[in-house]
């Protein structure tokens, strides 16, 4: 990315009472070119994930305990989202076709990894029966986790 700045300056240096034609003033033009490397992919300072959980399906008869369990479940869902972003997601898919028609289509996903240093950004009720938890993980920690993961994979 290059930016150019042009500045024009003209100062009348003609002594008072003198003919201005004898002292032509040329405008002075300065060109400043500034270059700055711009990354092709903007680097994020942190990744975020949001998890959700329904209050009424939590296994308790006590309303307060259902709420606490929903908060916990939404936090775990947010951790799962962070893990997917750091390590990726394993996907196993099977499709059965007979007589040129799909008979069954199954998908199985799996996420596995270690997350540390995550920060809770917010925990808030959404509507009347759901909790939402948003968590954040600094990019430096993400880089450390990926490097640790790659070194363990290389040792196998």
C-alpha atoms as a PDB file:
ATOM      1  CA  UNK A   1       0.000   0.000   0.000  1.00  0.00           C
ATOM      2  CA  UNK A   2       1.546   3.291  -1.008  1.00  0.00           C
ATOM      3  CA  UNK A   3       0.365   6.732  -0.130  1.00  0.00           C
ATOM      4  CA  UNK A   4       1.550   9.937  -1.735  1.00  0.00           C
ATOM      5  CA  UNK A   5       1.249  13.371  -0.206  1.00  0.00           C
ATOM      6  CA  UNK A   6       1.655  16.476  -2.317  1.00  0.00           C
ATOM      7  CA  UNK A   7       2.061  19.805  -0.612  1.00  0.00           C
ATOM      8  CA  UNK A   8       2.147  23.024  -2.581  1.00  0.00           C
ATOM      9  CA  UNK A   9       3.757  26.071  -1.068  1.00  0.00           C
ATOM     10  CA  UNK A  10       4.106  29.489  -2.560  1.00  0.00           C
ATOM     11  CA  UNK A  11       5.521  32.446  -0.722  1.00  0.00           C
ATOM     12  CA  UNK A  12       5.570  35.979  -2.101  1.00  0.00           C
ATOM     13  CA  UNK A  13       9.171  37.112  -1.630  1.00  0.00           C
ATOM     14  CA  UNK A  14       8.762  40.281  -3.705  1.00  0.00           C
ATOM     15  CA  UNK A  15       9.971  43.398  -1.906  1.00  0.00           C
ATOM     16  CA  UNK A  16       7.197  45.942  -1.395  1.00  0.00           C
ATOM     17  CA  UNK A  17       6.686  48.204  -4.371  1.00  0.00           C
ATOM     18  CA  UNK A  18       8.645  45.960  -6.762  1.00  0.00           C
ATOM     19  CA  UNK A  19       7.346  44.403  -9.960  1.00  0.00           C
ATOM     20  CA  UNK A  20       6.176  40.845  -9.238  1.00  0.00           C
ATOM     21  CA  UNK A  21       6.998  39.769 -12.830  1.00  0.00           C
ATOM     22  CA  UNK A  22      10.704  40.222 -12.031  1.00  0.00           C
ATOM     23  CA  UNK A  23      10.443  37.731  -9.156  1.00  0.00           C
ATOM     24  CA  UNK A  24       8.508  34.715 -10.427  1.00  0.00           C
ATOM     25  CA  UNK A  25       7.546  32.332  -7.671  1.00  0.00           C
ATOM     26  CA  UNK A  26       7.509  28.646  -8.506  1.00  0.00           C
ATOM     27  CA  UNK A  27       5.444  26.495  -6.202  1.00  0.00           C
ATOM     28  CA  UNK A  28       7.554  23.963  -4.345  1.00  0.00           C
ATOM     29  CA  UNK A  29       6.196  20.433  -4.477  1.00  0.00           C
ATOM     30  CA  UNK A  30       7.302  17.745  -2.038  1.00  0.00           C
ATOM     31  CA  UNK A  31       6.489  14.130  -2.644  1.00  0.00           C
ATOM     32  CA  UNK A  32       6.442  11.737   0.284  1.00  0.00           C
ATOM     33  CA  UNK A  33       5.913   8.072  -0.431  1.00  0.00           C
ATOM     34  CA  UNK A  34       5.156   5.800   2.499  1.00  0.00           C
ATOM     35  CA  UNK A  35       5.117   2.046   2.098  1.00  0.00           C
ATOM     36  CA  UNK A  36       3.876  -0.380   4.688  1.00  0.00           C
ATOM     37  CA  UNK A  37       3.631  -4.153   4.449  1.00  0.00           C
ATOM     38  CA  UNK A  38       0.054  -5.331   4.788  1.00  0.00           C
ATOM     39  CA  UNK A  39      -0.454  -8.995   5.639  1.00  0.00           C
ATOM     40  CA  UNK A  40      -2.475 -11.026   3.163  1.00  0.00           C
ATOM     41  CA  UNK A  41      -4.458 -12.537   6.028  1.00  0.00           C
ATOM     42  CA  UNK A  42      -5.191 -10.276   8.949  1.00  0.00           C
ATOM     43  CA  UNK A  43      -3.965 -11.825  12.160  1.00  0.00           C
ATOM     44  CA  UNK A  44      -6.550 -11.979  14.883  1.00  0.00           C
ATOM     45  CA  UNK A  45      -5.547 -11.093  18.427  1.00  0.00           C
ATOM     46  CA  UNK A  46      -7.873 -13.758  19.865  1.00  0.00           C
ATOM     47  CA  UNK A  47     -10.397 -16.349  18.811  1.00  0.00           C
ATOM     48  CA  UNK A  48     -13.900 -16.489  20.254  1.00  0.00           C
ATOM     49  CA  UNK A  49     -16.499 -19.200  20.605  1.00  0.00           C
ATOM     50  CA  UNK A  50     -20.068 -19.104  21.876  1.00  0.00           C
ATOM     51  CA  UNK A  51     -21.853 -22.020  23.520  1.00  0.00           C
ATOM     52  CA  UNK A  52     -25.556 -22.519  24.241  1.00  0.00           C
ATOM     53  CA  UNK A  53     -27.575 -24.695  26.609  1.00  0.00           C
ATOM     54  CA  UNK A  54     -31.291 -25.058  27.298  1.00  0.00           C
ATOM     55  CA  UNK A  55     -32.323 -24.673  30.936  1.00  0.00           C
ATOM     56  CA  UNK A  56     -35.460 -26.836  30.981  1.00  0.00           C
ATOM     57  CA  UNK A  57     -33.713 -30.015  29.778  1.00  0.00           C
ATOM     58  CA  UNK A  58     -31.174 -30.023  32.601  1.00  0.00           C
ATOM     59  CA  UNK A  59     -31.554 -33.068  34.926  1.00  0.00           C
ATOM     60  CA  UNK A  60     -32.872 -31.482  38.105  1.00  0.00           C
ATOM     61  CA  UNK A  61     -36.206 -30.656  39.746  1.00  0.00           C
ATOM     62  CA  UNK A  62     -34.820 -27.432  41.276  1.00  0.00           C
ATOM     63  CA  UNK A  63     -34.992 -24.359  39.003  1.00  0.00           C
ATOM     64  CA  UNK A  64     -31.819 -22.775  40.406  1.00  0.00           C
ATOM     65  CA  UNK A  65     -29.861 -25.977  39.856  1.00  0.00           C
ATOM     66  CA  UNK A  66     -31.170 -26.255  36.282  1.00  0.00           C
ATOM     67  CA  UNK A  67     -29.894 -22.738  35.625  1.00  0.00           C
ATOM     68  CA  UNK A  68     -26.450 -23.546  37.051  1.00  0.00           C
ATOM     69  CA  UNK A  69     -26.269 -26.746  35.003  1.00  0.00           C
ATOM     70  CA  UNK A  70     -27.259 -24.819  31.855  1.00  0.00           C
ATOM     71  CA  UNK A  71     -24.526 -22.263  32.515  1.00  0.00           C
ATOM     72  CA  UNK A  72     -22.015 -25.092  32.929  1.00  0.00           C
ATOM     73  CA  UNK A  73     -23.230 -26.828  29.763  1.00  0.00           C
ATOM     74  CA  UNK A  74     -23.059 -23.609  27.721  1.00  0.00           C
ATOM     75  CA  UNK A  75     -19.496 -23.051  28.950  1.00  0.00           C
ATOM     76  CA  UNK A  76     -18.517 -26.580  27.878  1.00  0.00           C
ATOM     77  CA  UNK A  77     -20.121 -25.957  24.473  1.00  0.00           C
ATOM     78  CA  UNK A  78     -18.005 -22.791  24.143  1.00  0.00           C
ATOM     79  CA  UNK A  79     -14.877 -24.808  25.043  1.00  0.00           C
ATOM     80  CA  UNK A  80     -15.829 -27.278  22.305  1.00  0.00           C
ATOM     81  CA  UNK A  81     -16.070 -24.382  19.855  1.00  0.00           C
ATOM     82  CA  UNK A  82     -12.603 -23.141  20.837  1.00  0.00           C
ATOM     83  CA  UNK A  83     -11.210 -26.665  20.462  1.00  0.00           C
ATOM     84  CA  UNK A  84     -12.676 -26.939  16.944  1.00  0.00           C
ATOM     85  CA  UNK A  85     -11.006 -23.677  15.949  1.00  0.00           C
ATOM     86  CA  UNK A  86      -7.602 -24.623  17.392  1.00  0.00           C
ATOM     87  CA  UNK A  87      -7.356 -28.273  16.309  1.00  0.00           C
ATOM     88  CA  UNK A  88      -9.992 -28.687  13.636  1.00  0.00           C
ATOM     89  CA  UNK A  89     -12.772 -31.216  13.570  1.00  0.00           C
ATOM     90  CA  UNK A  90     -12.584 -34.860  12.567  1.00  0.00           C
ATOM     91  CA  UNK A  91     -15.446 -35.759  10.230  1.00  0.00           C
ATOM     92  CA  UNK A  92     -16.434 -39.280   9.248  1.00  0.00           C
ATOM     93  CA  UNK A  93     -19.123 -39.602   6.617  1.00  0.00           C
ATOM     94  CA  UNK A  94     -20.841 -42.564   5.024  1.00  0.00           C
ATOM     95  CA  UNK A  95     -23.323 -42.437   2.174  1.00  0.00           C
ATOM     96  CA  UNK A  96     -25.138 -45.494   0.864  1.00  0.00           C
ATOM     97  CA  UNK A  97     -26.572 -45.369  -2.647  1.00  0.00           C
ATOM     98  CA  UNK A  98     -28.732 -48.053  -4.272  1.00  0.00           C
ATOM     99  CA  UNK A  99     -30.597 -47.860  -7.572  1.00  0.00           C
ATOM    100  CA  UNK A 100     -29.197 -44.348  -8.074  1.00  0.00           C
ATOM    101  CA  UNK A 101     -30.916 -43.074  -4.915  1.00  0.00           C
ATOM    102  CA  UNK A 102     -29.410 -42.210  -1.534  1.00  0.00           C
ATOM    103  CA  UNK A 103     -30.536 -44.779   1.008  1.00  0.00           C
ATOM    104  CA  UNK A 104     -28.671 -43.402   4.016  1.00  0.00           C
ATOM    105  CA  UNK A 105     -26.322 -40.553   4.752  1.00  0.00           C
ATOM    106  CA  UNK A 106     -24.547 -40.528   8.120  1.00  0.00           C
ATOM    107  CA  UNK A 107     -22.073 -38.099   9.602  1.00  0.00           C
ATOM    108  CA  UNK A 108     -19.997 -38.457  12.721  1.00  0.00           C
ATOM    109  CA  UNK A 109     -17.835 -35.670  14.070  1.00  0.00           C
ATOM    110  CA  UNK A 110     -15.246 -35.691  16.795  1.00  0.00           C
ATOM    111  CA  UNK A 111     -13.200 -32.973  18.444  1.00  0.00           C
ATOM    112  CA  UNK A 112     -10.244 -33.653  20.681  1.00  0.00           C
ATOM    113  CA  UNK A 113      -7.705 -31.315  22.204  1.00  0.00           C
ATOM    114  CA  UNK A 114      -6.460 -29.391  25.203  1.00  0.00           C
ATOM    115  CA  UNK A 115      -7.504 -25.814  25.885  1.00  0.00           C
ATOM    116  CA  UNK A 116      -5.915 -23.675  28.564  1.00  0.00           C
ATOM    117  CA  UNK A 117      -5.964 -19.953  29.247  1.00  0.00           C
ATOM    118  CA  UNK A 118      -9.483 -19.358  27.920  1.00  0.00           C
ATOM    119  CA  UNK A 119     -11.322 -16.374  29.360  1.00  0.00           C
ATOM    120  CA  UNK A 120     -15.049 -16.072  29.875  1.00  0.00           C
ATOM    121  CA  UNK A 121     -16.203 -12.990  27.976  1.00  0.00           C
ATOM    122  CA  UNK A 122     -19.875 -13.201  28.933  1.00  0.00           C
ATOM    123  CA  UNK A 123     -22.556 -15.454  30.364  1.00  0.00           C
ATOM    124  CA  UNK A 124     -26.077 -14.289  29.626  1.00  0.00           C
ATOM    125  CA  UNK A 125     -29.593 -15.656  29.447  1.00  0.00           C
ATOM    126  CA  UNK A 126     -31.035 -15.695  25.934  1.00  0.00           C
ATOM    127  CA  UNK A 127     -34.801 -15.683  25.881  1.00  0.00           C
ATOM    128  CA  UNK A 128     -36.501 -17.454  28.754  1.00  0.00           C
ATOM    129  CA  UNK A 129     -34.985 -20.942  28.487  1.00  0.00           C
ATOM    130  CA  UNK A 130     -31.384 -20.671  27.195  1.00  0.00           C
ATOM    131  CA  UNK A 131     -27.968 -19.565  28.413  1.00  0.00           C
ATOM    132  CA  UNK A 132     -25.207 -18.264  26.159  1.00  0.00           C
ATOM    133  CA  UNK A 133     -21.523 -18.250  27.132  1.00  0.00           C
ATOM    134  CA  UNK A 134     -18.855 -16.549  25.041  1.00  0.00           C
ATOM    135  CA  UNK A 135     -15.200 -17.383  25.626  1.00  0.00           C
ATOM    136  CA  UNK A 136     -11.981 -15.973  24.215  1.00  0.00           C
ATOM    137  CA  UNK A 137      -8.513 -17.435  23.690  1.00  0.00           C
ATOM    138  CA  UNK A 138      -5.483 -15.220  22.964  1.00  0.00           C
ATOM    139  CA  UNK A 139      -3.700 -15.853  19.671  1.00  0.00           C
ATOM    140  CA  UNK A 140      -0.399 -16.491  21.468  1.00  0.00           C
ATOM    141  CA  UNK A 141      -2.003 -19.372  23.384  1.00  0.00           C
ATOM    142  CA  UNK A 142      -3.537 -20.707  20.161  1.00  0.00           C
ATOM    143  CA  UNK A 143      -0.077 -20.697  18.557  1.00  0.00           C
ATOM    144  CA  UNK A 144       1.393 -22.520  21.588  1.00  0.00           C
ATOM    145  CA  UNK A 145      -1.368 -25.142  21.551  1.00  0.00           C
ATOM    146  CA  UNK A 146      -0.949 -25.783  17.831  1.00  0.00           C
ATOM    147  CA  UNK A 147       2.839 -26.075  18.163  1.00  0.00           C
ATOM    148  CA  UNK A 148       2.429 -28.530  21.055  1.00  0.00           C
ATOM    149  CA  UNK A 149      -0.087 -30.536  19.038  1.00  0.00           C
ATOM    150  CA  UNK A 150       2.133 -30.661  15.945  1.00  0.00           C
ATOM    151  CA  UNK A 151       5.138 -31.778  17.994  1.00  0.00           C
ATOM    152  CA  UNK A 152       3.135 -34.658  19.533  1.00  0.00           C
ATOM    153  CA  UNK A 153       1.825 -35.696  16.099  1.00  0.00           C
ATOM    154  CA  UNK A 154       5.368 -35.654  14.689  1.00  0.00           C
ATOM    155  CA  UNK A 155       6.549 -37.985  17.491  1.00  0.00           C
ATOM    156  CA  UNK A 156       3.947 -40.673  16.658  1.00  0.00           C
END
